[in-house]
């Protein structure tokens, strides 16, 4: 016999299946739902169903959206000709939150990783090439994570895009604002030195 009534135990079990939610956190969340007004549980249940039923990939940029094309792809105020290529929706969201980029996006839905069986055909690379022809793209910004897989993907895309009359740039990586040099790892320091910029620019 379980410690909790079956319905509460089932909720705890389901919540504990979420990433980053251990048994203790699942118990705390389940007990919070139990103590809260019924409207919270109804709203939570409806939101979960809505996410599964309404969210899809935008057919243009392959970001998550509940309309197709997504609001960014249909926004006339966005700067045309500039495309920021990211690994996944979370990366796009991080850039969008910064407010520093006003162009459009292309979400690859992953990076090249032969060890995991992820090749060129598994990413949205052919769709990216198709967009270049349709949208008069003048600059591609590669905003891929500085991992081995991210670097390999950036290198592959750079080679693929060469000779197409498109500027190819990468976001800068290096020492974070407010960082202390003596605590920065050697790879980050090397990247910062390799990608140093002129003080006149």
N, C-alpha and C. Protein backbone atom coordinates (compact mmCIF):
# COMPACT_ATOMS: atom_id res chain seq x y z
N UNK A 1 0.85 -1.20 0.00
CA UNK A 1 0.00 0.00 0.00
C UNK A 1 0.88 1.24 0.00
N UNK A 2 0.57 2.20 -0.87
CA UNK A 2 1.36 3.40 -0.98
C UNK A 2 1.13 4.36 0.17
N UNK A 3 2.07 5.28 0.34
CA UNK A 3 1.95 6.30 1.38
C UNK A 3 0.81 7.26 1.05
N UNK A 4 0.65 7.61 -0.24
CA UNK A 4 -0.37 8.56 -0.68
C UNK A 4 -1.57 7.82 -1.25
N UNK A 5 -2.74 8.47 -1.23
CA UNK A 5 -3.89 7.89 -1.93
C UNK A 5 -3.53 7.69 -3.40
N UNK A 6 -4.15 6.69 -4.06
CA UNK A 6 -3.76 6.35 -5.45
C UNK A 6 -3.75 7.53 -6.42
N UNK A 7 -4.76 8.38 -6.38
CA UNK A 7 -4.82 9.49 -7.34
C UNK A 7 -3.68 10.48 -7.12
N UNK A 8 -3.35 10.75 -5.86
CA UNK A 8 -2.24 11.65 -5.55
C UNK A 8 -0.91 11.00 -5.91
N UNK A 9 -0.79 9.72 -5.63
CA UNK A 9 0.42 8.99 -5.98
C UNK A 9 0.64 8.97 -7.49
N UNK A 10 -0.44 8.86 -8.25
CA UNK A 10 -0.35 8.87 -9.72
C UNK A 10 0.13 10.23 -10.22
N UNK A 11 -0.38 11.32 -9.61
CA UNK A 11 0.05 12.66 -10.00
C UNK A 11 1.54 12.84 -9.72
N UNK A 12 1.97 12.39 -8.54
CA UNK A 12 3.39 12.49 -8.19
C UNK A 12 4.24 11.71 -9.19
N UNK A 13 3.79 10.52 -9.54
CA UNK A 13 4.54 9.70 -10.50
C UNK A 13 4.65 10.39 -11.86
N UNK A 14 3.56 10.98 -12.33
CA UNK A 14 3.57 11.66 -13.63
C UNK A 14 4.48 12.89 -13.60
N UNK A 15 4.39 13.67 -12.52
CA UNK A 15 5.23 14.87 -12.41
C UNK A 15 6.71 14.51 -12.33
N UNK A 16 7.03 13.40 -11.68
CA UNK A 16 8.44 13.01 -11.53
C UNK A 16 9.05 12.57 -12.86
N UNK A 17 8.23 12.36 -13.89
CA UNK A 17 8.74 12.00 -15.21
C UNK A 17 9.26 13.21 -15.98
N UNK A 18 8.94 14.42 -15.49
CA UNK A 18 9.41 15.63 -16.15
C UNK A 18 10.89 15.85 -15.86
N UNK A 19 11.65 16.39 -16.83
CA UNK A 19 13.09 16.60 -16.62
C UNK A 19 13.35 17.60 -15.50
N UNK A 20 14.28 17.27 -14.64
CA UNK A 20 14.65 18.17 -13.55
C UNK A 20 13.72 18.09 -12.35
N UNK A 21 12.71 17.25 -12.42
CA UNK A 21 11.77 17.10 -11.30
C UNK A 21 12.02 15.74 -10.65
N UNK A 22 12.61 15.77 -9.46
CA UNK A 22 12.83 14.54 -8.72
C UNK A 22 11.59 14.18 -7.91
N UNK A 23 11.69 13.10 -7.18
CA UNK A 23 10.56 12.60 -6.38
C UNK A 23 10.09 13.65 -5.37
N UNK A 24 11.03 14.29 -4.67
CA UNK A 24 10.66 15.29 -3.65
C UNK A 24 9.96 16.50 -4.28
N UNK A 25 10.51 16.98 -5.39
CA UNK A 25 9.89 18.12 -6.08
C UNK A 25 8.51 17.75 -6.59
N UNK A 26 8.37 16.54 -7.11
CA UNK A 26 7.08 16.07 -7.61
C UNK A 26 6.05 16.02 -6.48
N UNK A 27 6.47 15.54 -5.31
CA UNK A 27 5.57 15.51 -4.15
C UNK A 27 5.14 16.92 -3.77
N UNK A 28 6.10 17.85 -3.74
CA UNK A 28 5.80 19.25 -3.37
C UNK A 28 4.82 19.87 -4.36
N UNK A 29 5.04 19.64 -5.66
CA UNK A 29 4.14 20.19 -6.68
C UNK A 29 2.74 19.57 -6.57
N UNK A 30 2.69 18.27 -6.38
CA UNK A 30 1.40 17.58 -6.30
C UNK A 30 0.60 18.07 -5.08
N UNK A 31 1.28 18.24 -3.96
CA UNK A 31 0.60 18.72 -2.74
C UNK A 31 0.14 20.17 -2.92
N UNK A 32 0.92 20.95 -3.66
CA UNK A 32 0.52 22.33 -3.94
C UNK A 32 -0.76 22.35 -4.78
N UNK A 33 -0.80 21.50 -5.81
CA UNK A 33 -2.00 21.41 -6.66
C UNK A 33 -3.20 20.97 -5.81
N UNK A 34 -2.98 20.02 -4.92
CA UNK A 34 -4.06 19.52 -4.06
C UNK A 34 -4.62 20.62 -3.17
N UNK A 35 -3.74 21.46 -2.62
CA UNK A 35 -4.18 22.52 -1.70
C UNK A 35 -4.76 23.73 -2.42
N UNK A 36 -4.47 23.87 -3.70
CA UNK A 36 -4.89 25.05 -4.47
C UNK A 36 -6.35 24.91 -4.92
N UNK A 37 -6.95 26.05 -5.32
CA UNK A 37 -8.32 25.98 -5.85
C UNK A 37 -8.40 25.07 -7.08
N UNK A 38 -9.57 24.53 -7.32
CA UNK A 38 -9.79 23.61 -8.44
C UNK A 38 -9.43 24.27 -9.77
N UNK A 39 -9.60 25.59 -9.86
CA UNK A 39 -9.32 26.32 -11.10
C UNK A 39 -7.86 26.17 -11.53
N UNK A 40 -6.95 26.08 -10.55
CA UNK A 40 -5.53 25.90 -10.90
C UNK A 40 -5.32 24.56 -11.61
N UNK A 41 -5.89 23.50 -11.07
CA UNK A 41 -5.76 22.18 -11.68
C UNK A 41 -6.40 22.15 -13.06
N UNK A 42 -7.57 22.78 -13.19
CA UNK A 42 -8.25 22.80 -14.49
C UNK A 42 -7.44 23.58 -15.52
N UNK A 43 -6.91 24.72 -15.09
CA UNK A 43 -6.09 25.54 -15.99
C UNK A 43 -4.82 24.82 -16.41
N UNK A 44 -4.19 24.14 -15.45
CA UNK A 44 -2.97 23.38 -15.74
C UNK A 44 -3.26 22.24 -16.71
N UNK A 45 -4.34 21.51 -16.45
CA UNK A 45 -4.72 20.39 -17.33
C UNK A 45 -5.02 20.89 -18.74
N UNK A 46 -5.76 22.01 -18.85
CA UNK A 46 -6.10 22.55 -20.16
C UNK A 46 -4.86 23.04 -20.91
N UNK A 47 -3.93 23.67 -20.17
CA UNK A 47 -2.69 24.15 -20.79
C UNK A 47 -1.86 22.99 -21.35
N UNK A 48 -1.80 21.89 -20.60
CA UNK A 48 -1.07 20.71 -21.07
C UNK A 48 -1.69 20.15 -22.34
N UNK A 49 -3.02 20.08 -22.38
CA UNK A 49 -3.70 19.58 -23.57
C UNK A 49 -3.51 20.53 -24.76
N UNK A 50 -3.59 21.84 -24.49
CA UNK A 50 -3.42 22.83 -25.56
C UNK A 50 -2.04 22.72 -26.20
N UNK A 51 -1.02 22.53 -25.36
CA UNK A 51 0.35 22.42 -25.87
C UNK A 51 0.47 21.23 -26.82
N UNK A 52 -0.13 20.11 -26.44
CA UNK A 52 -0.05 18.92 -27.28
C UNK A 52 -0.88 19.04 -28.55
N UNK A 53 -2.00 19.76 -28.48
CA UNK A 53 -2.91 19.84 -29.62
C UNK A 53 -2.62 21.00 -30.57
N UNK A 54 -2.08 22.11 -30.03
CA UNK A 54 -1.96 23.33 -30.84
C UNK A 54 -0.55 23.67 -31.30
N UNK A 55 0.45 23.29 -30.52
CA UNK A 55 1.81 23.68 -30.87
C UNK A 55 2.33 22.82 -32.02
N UNK A 56 2.94 23.48 -33.00
CA UNK A 56 3.52 22.81 -34.15
C UNK A 56 4.78 23.56 -34.57
N UNK A 57 5.45 23.06 -35.58
CA UNK A 57 6.60 23.77 -36.12
C UNK A 57 6.14 24.71 -37.22
N UNK A 58 6.64 25.94 -37.18
CA UNK A 58 6.38 26.89 -38.27
C UNK A 58 6.95 26.29 -39.55
N UNK A 59 6.20 26.34 -40.64
CA UNK A 59 6.64 25.74 -41.90
C UNK A 59 7.72 26.58 -42.59
N UNK A 60 7.99 27.78 -42.07
CA UNK A 60 9.02 28.64 -42.66
C UNK A 60 10.33 28.53 -41.87
N UNK A 61 10.27 28.82 -40.56
CA UNK A 61 11.50 28.87 -39.76
C UNK A 61 11.71 27.65 -38.86
N UNK A 62 10.67 26.83 -38.68
CA UNK A 62 10.72 25.62 -37.87
C UNK A 62 10.88 25.88 -36.38
N UNK A 63 10.42 27.07 -35.96
CA UNK A 63 10.33 27.35 -34.54
C UNK A 63 8.97 26.84 -34.05
N UNK A 64 8.81 26.71 -32.73
CA UNK A 64 7.53 26.31 -32.18
C UNK A 64 6.53 27.45 -32.28
N UNK A 65 5.30 27.13 -32.65
CA UNK A 65 4.28 28.16 -32.80
C UNK A 65 2.90 27.52 -32.72
N UNK A 66 1.89 28.35 -32.47
CA UNK A 66 0.52 27.82 -32.54
C UNK A 66 -0.23 28.38 -33.74
N UNK A 67 0.50 29.12 -34.59
CA UNK A 67 -0.02 29.54 -35.89
C UNK A 67 1.05 29.23 -36.94
N UNK A 68 0.65 29.08 -38.17
CA UNK A 68 1.59 28.76 -39.23
C UNK A 68 1.29 29.62 -40.46
N UNK A 69 2.23 30.48 -40.86
CA UNK A 69 3.55 30.75 -40.29
C UNK A 69 3.46 31.42 -38.91
N UNK A 70 4.58 31.40 -38.19
CA UNK A 70 4.63 31.95 -36.84
C UNK A 70 4.60 33.48 -36.87
N UNK A 71 4.34 34.12 -35.73
CA UNK A 71 4.27 35.60 -35.68
C UNK A 71 5.54 36.31 -36.14
N UNK A 72 6.70 35.72 -35.89
CA UNK A 72 7.95 36.37 -36.32
C UNK A 72 8.07 36.34 -37.84
N UNK A 73 7.73 35.23 -38.45
CA UNK A 73 7.82 35.11 -39.91
C UNK A 73 6.82 36.02 -40.63
N UNK A 74 5.72 36.35 -39.98
CA UNK A 74 4.69 37.19 -40.62
C UNK A 74 4.79 38.65 -40.20
N UNK A 75 5.77 39.00 -39.37
CA UNK A 75 5.91 40.37 -38.88
C UNK A 75 6.63 41.23 -39.93
N UNK A 76 5.90 42.17 -40.52
CA UNK A 76 6.48 43.04 -41.56
C UNK A 76 7.55 43.98 -41.02
N UNK A 77 7.57 44.18 -39.70
CA UNK A 77 8.56 45.09 -39.11
C UNK A 77 9.94 44.43 -38.99
N UNK A 78 9.99 43.12 -39.18
CA UNK A 78 11.27 42.41 -39.08
C UNK A 78 12.16 42.75 -40.26
N UNK A 79 13.46 42.81 -39.99
CA UNK A 79 14.43 43.15 -41.03
C UNK A 79 14.59 41.97 -41.99
N UNK A 80 14.25 42.20 -43.23
CA UNK A 80 14.40 41.16 -44.25
C UNK A 80 15.86 41.06 -44.68
N UNK A 81 16.23 39.91 -45.17
CA UNK A 81 17.59 39.74 -45.69
C UNK A 81 18.58 39.27 -44.65
N UNK A 82 18.18 39.21 -43.36
CA UNK A 82 19.07 38.78 -42.30
C UNK A 82 18.46 37.58 -41.59
N UNK A 83 19.19 36.47 -41.56
CA UNK A 83 18.67 35.22 -41.01
C UNK A 83 19.62 34.71 -39.93
N UNK A 84 19.08 34.50 -38.74
CA UNK A 84 19.86 33.97 -37.62
C UNK A 84 19.56 32.48 -37.50
N UNK A 85 20.60 31.65 -37.66
CA UNK A 85 20.44 30.20 -37.62
C UNK A 85 20.79 29.70 -36.21
N UNK A 86 19.83 29.00 -35.60
CA UNK A 86 20.01 28.49 -34.24
C UNK A 86 19.76 26.98 -34.21
N UNK A 87 20.19 26.36 -33.11
CA UNK A 87 20.04 24.92 -32.95
C UNK A 87 18.61 24.52 -32.63
N UNK A 88 17.99 25.19 -31.66
CA UNK A 88 16.66 24.80 -31.22
C UNK A 88 15.82 25.97 -30.77
N UNK A 89 14.55 25.74 -30.46
CA UNK A 89 13.65 26.81 -30.03
C UNK A 89 14.13 27.57 -28.80
N UNK A 90 14.79 26.88 -27.87
CA UNK A 90 15.30 27.56 -26.67
C UNK A 90 16.35 28.61 -27.00
N UNK A 91 17.19 28.32 -28.00
CA UNK A 91 18.22 29.27 -28.43
C UNK A 91 17.58 30.50 -29.09
N UNK A 92 16.57 30.24 -29.92
CA UNK A 92 15.85 31.35 -30.56
C UNK A 92 15.21 32.24 -29.51
N UNK A 93 14.60 31.63 -28.50
CA UNK A 93 13.94 32.38 -27.44
C UNK A 93 14.93 33.24 -26.66
N UNK A 94 16.11 32.70 -26.38
CA UNK A 94 17.14 33.45 -25.65
C UNK A 94 17.56 34.69 -26.43
N UNK A 95 17.76 34.55 -27.74
CA UNK A 95 18.16 35.70 -28.57
C UNK A 95 17.02 36.70 -28.65
N UNK A 96 15.81 36.20 -28.80
CA UNK A 96 14.64 37.09 -28.91
C UNK A 96 14.45 37.89 -27.63
N UNK A 97 14.66 37.26 -26.48
CA UNK A 97 14.52 37.95 -25.19
C UNK A 97 15.53 39.08 -25.04
N UNK A 98 16.70 38.92 -25.66
CA UNK A 98 17.73 39.96 -25.55
C UNK A 98 17.33 41.25 -26.25
N UNK A 99 16.44 41.14 -27.24
CA UNK A 99 16.01 42.32 -27.98
C UNK A 99 17.07 42.86 -28.93
N UNK A 100 18.18 42.14 -29.09
CA UNK A 100 19.31 42.63 -29.88
C UNK A 100 19.19 42.29 -31.36
N UNK A 101 18.27 41.43 -31.72
CA UNK A 101 18.16 40.99 -33.11
C UNK A 101 16.75 41.23 -33.62
N UNK A 102 16.65 41.87 -34.78
CA UNK A 102 15.34 42.20 -35.34
C UNK A 102 15.11 41.58 -36.70
N UNK A 103 15.93 40.59 -37.04
CA UNK A 103 15.74 39.90 -38.31
C UNK A 103 14.84 38.68 -38.14
N UNK A 104 15.08 37.67 -38.96
CA UNK A 104 14.28 36.44 -38.91
C UNK A 104 15.17 35.27 -38.51
N UNK A 105 14.56 34.16 -38.20
CA UNK A 105 15.29 32.99 -37.68
C UNK A 105 15.12 31.77 -38.57
N UNK A 106 16.06 30.83 -38.38
CA UNK A 106 15.90 29.49 -38.94
C UNK A 106 16.37 28.51 -37.88
N UNK A 107 15.49 27.62 -37.44
CA UNK A 107 15.79 26.67 -36.37
C UNK A 107 16.13 25.32 -36.99
N UNK A 108 17.36 24.87 -36.78
CA UNK A 108 17.83 23.63 -37.40
C UNK A 108 17.21 22.38 -36.78
N UNK A 109 16.71 22.50 -35.57
CA UNK A 109 16.17 21.35 -34.83
C UNK A 109 17.27 20.34 -34.49
N UNK A 110 18.44 20.85 -34.13
CA UNK A 110 19.54 20.00 -33.71
C UNK A 110 20.85 20.41 -34.34
N UNK A 111 21.89 19.62 -34.09
CA UNK A 111 23.20 19.84 -34.69
C UNK A 111 23.75 18.50 -35.17
N UNK A 112 24.74 18.55 -36.04
CA UNK A 112 25.36 17.34 -36.55
C UNK A 112 26.03 16.57 -35.41
N UNK A 113 25.70 15.31 -35.29
CA UNK A 113 26.28 14.47 -34.24
C UNK A 113 26.31 13.02 -34.71
N UNK A 114 27.36 12.66 -35.46
CA UNK A 114 27.44 11.29 -36.01
C UNK A 114 27.34 10.21 -34.94
N UNK A 115 27.89 10.47 -33.75
CA UNK A 115 27.83 9.47 -32.67
C UNK A 115 26.40 9.19 -32.22
N UNK A 116 25.54 10.20 -32.37
CA UNK A 116 24.12 10.02 -32.01
C UNK A 116 23.26 9.69 -33.23
N UNK A 117 23.92 9.51 -34.38
CA UNK A 117 23.18 9.17 -35.60
C UNK A 117 22.46 10.35 -36.22
N UNK A 118 22.90 11.58 -35.90
CA UNK A 118 22.25 12.78 -36.46
C UNK A 118 23.11 13.32 -37.59
N UNK A 119 22.60 13.22 -38.81
CA UNK A 119 23.33 13.68 -39.98
C UNK A 119 22.63 14.87 -40.63
N UNK A 120 23.14 15.28 -41.76
CA UNK A 120 22.62 16.44 -42.49
C UNK A 120 21.13 16.29 -42.79
N UNK A 121 20.72 15.07 -43.16
CA UNK A 121 19.32 14.85 -43.55
C UNK A 121 18.36 14.94 -42.36
N UNK A 122 18.90 14.91 -41.14
CA UNK A 122 18.04 14.98 -39.94
C UNK A 122 17.79 16.42 -39.50
N UNK A 123 18.51 17.36 -40.08
CA UNK A 123 18.36 18.77 -39.71
C UNK A 123 17.62 19.53 -40.81
N UNK A 124 17.23 20.74 -40.51
CA UNK A 124 16.48 21.57 -41.46
C UNK A 124 17.42 22.38 -42.36
N UNK A 125 18.43 21.69 -42.89
CA UNK A 125 19.42 22.36 -43.73
C UNK A 125 18.92 22.55 -45.15
N UNK A 126 18.24 21.57 -45.72
CA UNK A 126 17.71 21.72 -47.08
C UNK A 126 16.67 22.84 -47.12
N UNK A 127 15.89 22.96 -46.04
CA UNK A 127 14.90 24.05 -45.97
C UNK A 127 15.59 25.41 -45.86
N UNK A 128 16.73 25.44 -45.17
CA UNK A 128 17.51 26.68 -45.09
C UNK A 128 17.99 27.09 -46.47
N UNK A 129 18.51 26.14 -47.23
CA UNK A 129 19.00 26.46 -48.57
C UNK A 129 17.86 26.93 -49.47
N UNK A 130 16.70 26.37 -49.29
CA UNK A 130 15.53 26.78 -50.06
C UNK A 130 15.13 28.21 -49.73
N UNK A 131 15.25 28.59 -48.46
CA UNK A 131 14.91 29.96 -48.06
C UNK A 131 15.85 30.98 -48.68
N UNK A 132 17.11 30.62 -48.86
CA UNK A 132 18.08 31.54 -49.45
C UNK A 132 17.62 31.97 -50.83
N UNK A 133 17.10 31.03 -51.58
CA UNK A 133 16.65 31.32 -52.94
C UNK A 133 15.37 32.17 -52.93
N UNK A 134 14.49 31.89 -51.98
CA UNK A 134 13.18 32.56 -51.97
C UNK A 134 13.18 33.95 -51.35
N UNK A 135 14.03 34.16 -50.33
CA UNK A 135 13.90 35.34 -49.49
C UNK A 135 14.96 36.41 -49.68
N UNK A 136 15.83 36.26 -50.66
CA UNK A 136 16.86 37.26 -50.91
C UNK A 136 17.68 37.55 -49.65
N UNK A 137 18.22 36.50 -49.06
CA UNK A 137 19.00 36.61 -47.83
C UNK A 137 20.37 37.20 -48.15
N UNK A 138 20.76 38.22 -47.37
CA UNK A 138 22.05 38.89 -47.58
C UNK A 138 23.08 38.49 -46.51
N UNK A 139 22.58 38.13 -45.32
CA UNK A 139 23.50 37.73 -44.25
C UNK A 139 22.91 36.58 -43.45
N UNK A 140 23.77 35.59 -43.19
CA UNK A 140 23.42 34.47 -42.31
C UNK A 140 24.25 34.62 -41.04
N UNK A 141 23.60 34.67 -39.90
CA UNK A 141 24.29 34.72 -38.62
C UNK A 141 24.20 33.33 -38.00
N UNK A 142 25.33 32.69 -37.82
CA UNK A 142 25.35 31.36 -37.20
C UNK A 142 25.43 31.55 -35.68
N UNK A 143 24.35 31.24 -34.99
CA UNK A 143 24.28 31.38 -33.53
C UNK A 143 24.15 30.00 -32.91
N UNK A 144 25.16 29.17 -33.16
CA UNK A 144 25.16 27.79 -32.67
C UNK A 144 26.02 27.71 -31.41
N UNK A 145 25.65 26.80 -30.53
CA UNK A 145 26.36 26.66 -29.26
C UNK A 145 27.80 26.22 -29.49
N UNK A 146 28.74 26.70 -28.66
CA UNK A 146 30.16 26.38 -28.85
C UNK A 146 30.53 25.00 -28.30
N UNK A 147 29.82 23.98 -28.79
CA UNK A 147 30.14 22.59 -28.46
C UNK A 147 30.84 21.98 -29.66
N UNK A 148 31.35 20.78 -29.50
CA UNK A 148 32.00 20.09 -30.63
C UNK A 148 31.00 19.94 -31.77
N UNK A 149 29.76 19.54 -31.43
CA UNK A 149 28.73 19.36 -32.45
C UNK A 149 28.31 20.69 -33.08
N UNK A 150 28.20 21.72 -32.25
CA UNK A 150 27.84 23.04 -32.75
C UNK A 150 28.90 23.59 -33.69
N UNK A 151 30.17 23.39 -33.34
CA UNK A 151 31.28 23.85 -34.18
C UNK A 151 31.30 23.09 -35.50
N UNK A 152 31.06 21.78 -35.44
CA UNK A 152 31.05 20.97 -36.67
C UNK A 152 29.91 21.42 -37.59
N UNK A 153 28.76 21.72 -37.01
CA UNK A 153 27.61 22.18 -37.80
C UNK A 153 27.89 23.53 -38.42
N UNK A 154 28.48 24.45 -37.63
CA UNK A 154 28.82 25.78 -38.14
C UNK A 154 29.82 25.68 -39.28
N UNK A 155 30.80 24.80 -39.14
CA UNK A 155 31.81 24.61 -40.18
C UNK A 155 31.17 24.05 -41.46
N UNK A 156 30.28 23.08 -41.29
CA UNK A 156 29.59 22.49 -42.44
C UNK A 156 28.76 23.54 -43.17
N UNK A 157 28.01 24.34 -42.41
CA UNK A 157 27.16 25.37 -43.02
C UNK A 157 27.99 26.45 -43.71
N UNK A 158 29.11 26.81 -43.09
CA UNK A 158 29.99 27.81 -43.69
C UNK A 158 30.49 27.34 -45.05
N UNK A 159 30.93 26.09 -45.13
CA UNK A 159 31.40 25.52 -46.41
C UNK A 159 30.26 25.46 -47.43
N UNK A 160 29.08 25.10 -46.95
CA UNK A 160 27.91 24.96 -47.84
C UNK A 160 27.48 26.31 -48.42
N UNK A 161 27.64 27.37 -47.62
CA UNK A 161 27.14 28.69 -48.02
C UNK A 161 28.17 29.53 -48.78
N UNK A 162 29.42 29.08 -48.78
CA UNK A 162 30.47 29.84 -49.46
C UNK A 162 30.15 29.97 -50.94
N UNK A 163 30.48 31.13 -51.50
CA UNK A 163 30.31 31.35 -52.93
C UNK A 163 28.89 31.66 -53.34
N UNK A 164 28.01 31.90 -52.40
CA UNK A 164 26.61 32.19 -52.74
C UNK A 164 26.30 33.69 -52.63
N UNK A 165 27.33 34.51 -52.40
CA UNK A 165 27.13 35.95 -52.32
C UNK A 165 26.40 36.38 -51.05
N UNK A 166 26.52 35.58 -50.01
CA UNK A 166 25.87 35.87 -48.73
C UNK A 166 26.94 36.05 -47.66
N UNK A 167 26.81 37.11 -46.85
CA UNK A 167 27.73 37.30 -45.74
C UNK A 167 27.43 36.24 -44.67
N UNK A 168 28.47 35.57 -44.20
CA UNK A 168 28.30 34.55 -43.17
C UNK A 168 29.04 35.03 -41.92
N UNK A 169 28.32 35.21 -40.84
CA UNK A 169 28.94 35.67 -39.60
C UNK A 169 28.58 34.71 -38.47
N UNK A 170 29.36 34.80 -37.38
CA UNK A 170 29.09 34.00 -36.19
C UNK A 170 28.94 34.95 -35.00
N UNK A 171 28.10 34.55 -34.07
CA UNK A 171 28.02 35.36 -32.85
C UNK A 171 29.34 35.19 -32.10
N UNK A 172 29.71 36.22 -31.35
CA UNK A 172 30.98 36.19 -30.61
C UNK A 172 30.83 35.34 -29.35
N UNK A 173 31.90 34.65 -28.99
CA UNK A 173 31.94 33.89 -27.75
C UNK A 173 33.12 34.40 -26.94
N UNK A 174 33.00 34.40 -25.65
CA UNK A 174 34.14 34.83 -24.85
C UNK A 174 33.76 35.11 -23.41
N UNK A 175 34.45 36.08 -22.84
CA UNK A 175 34.30 36.38 -21.42
C UNK A 175 32.99 37.10 -21.17
N UNK A 176 32.19 36.60 -20.21
CA UNK A 176 30.91 37.25 -19.94
C UNK A 176 31.09 38.60 -19.27
N UNK A 177 30.13 39.48 -19.47
CA UNK A 177 30.15 40.80 -18.84
C UNK A 177 30.20 40.62 -17.33
N UNK A 178 31.15 41.30 -16.68
CA UNK A 178 31.30 41.17 -15.23
C UNK A 178 32.17 40.00 -14.83
N UNK A 179 32.71 39.26 -15.82
CA UNK A 179 33.55 38.10 -15.53
C UNK A 179 34.92 38.51 -15.01
N UNK A 180 35.56 37.61 -14.30
CA UNK A 180 36.89 37.83 -13.73
C UNK A 180 37.86 36.90 -14.45
N UNK A 181 38.89 37.49 -15.11
CA UNK A 181 39.80 36.70 -15.94
C UNK A 181 40.41 35.50 -15.23
N UNK A 182 40.76 35.68 -13.95
CA UNK A 182 41.45 34.57 -13.28
C UNK A 182 40.54 33.36 -13.03
N UNK A 183 39.22 33.54 -13.20
CA UNK A 183 38.30 32.43 -13.00
C UNK A 183 37.74 31.87 -14.31
N UNK A 184 38.16 32.45 -15.43
CA UNK A 184 37.66 32.02 -16.74
C UNK A 184 38.46 30.80 -17.21
N UNK A 185 37.77 29.80 -17.77
CA UNK A 185 38.47 28.61 -18.24
C UNK A 185 39.34 28.94 -19.46
N UNK A 186 40.36 28.11 -19.69
CA UNK A 186 41.35 28.40 -20.73
C UNK A 186 40.76 28.42 -22.13
N UNK A 187 39.76 27.55 -22.40
CA UNK A 187 39.16 27.52 -23.74
C UNK A 187 38.40 28.82 -24.02
N UNK A 188 37.69 29.33 -23.02
CA UNK A 188 36.97 30.59 -23.20
C UNK A 188 37.95 31.74 -23.42
N UNK A 189 39.05 31.75 -22.67
CA UNK A 189 40.06 32.79 -22.85
C UNK A 189 40.68 32.72 -24.24
N UNK A 190 40.97 31.50 -24.70
CA UNK A 190 41.53 31.35 -26.05
C UNK A 190 40.56 31.86 -27.10
N UNK A 191 39.28 31.51 -26.97
CA UNK A 191 38.26 31.96 -27.92
C UNK A 191 38.15 33.48 -27.89
N UNK A 192 38.21 34.07 -26.71
CA UNK A 192 38.13 35.53 -26.58
C UNK A 192 39.30 36.21 -27.27
N UNK A 193 40.49 35.66 -27.11
CA UNK A 193 41.68 36.25 -27.75
C UNK A 193 41.64 36.06 -29.27
N UNK A 194 41.22 34.87 -29.70
CA UNK A 194 41.14 34.61 -31.14
C UNK A 194 40.12 35.51 -31.83
N UNK A 195 39.05 35.87 -31.10
CA UNK A 195 37.98 36.67 -31.69
C UNK A 195 37.98 38.11 -31.19
N UNK A 196 39.15 38.62 -30.83
CA UNK A 196 39.23 39.98 -30.33
C UNK A 196 38.84 40.97 -31.41
N UNK A 197 38.32 42.13 -30.99
CA UNK A 197 37.90 43.15 -31.95
C UNK A 197 38.65 44.45 -31.68
N UNK A 198 38.68 45.30 -32.69
CA UNK A 198 39.38 46.58 -32.58
C UNK A 198 38.60 47.52 -31.66
N UNK A 199 39.35 48.30 -30.88
CA UNK A 199 38.70 49.29 -29.99
C UNK A 199 38.14 50.46 -30.78
N UNK A 200 38.53 50.58 -32.05
CA UNK A 200 38.04 51.67 -32.89
C UNK A 200 36.67 51.35 -33.48
N UNK A 201 36.26 50.05 -33.44
CA UNK A 201 35.02 49.68 -34.11
C UNK A 201 33.83 49.92 -33.20
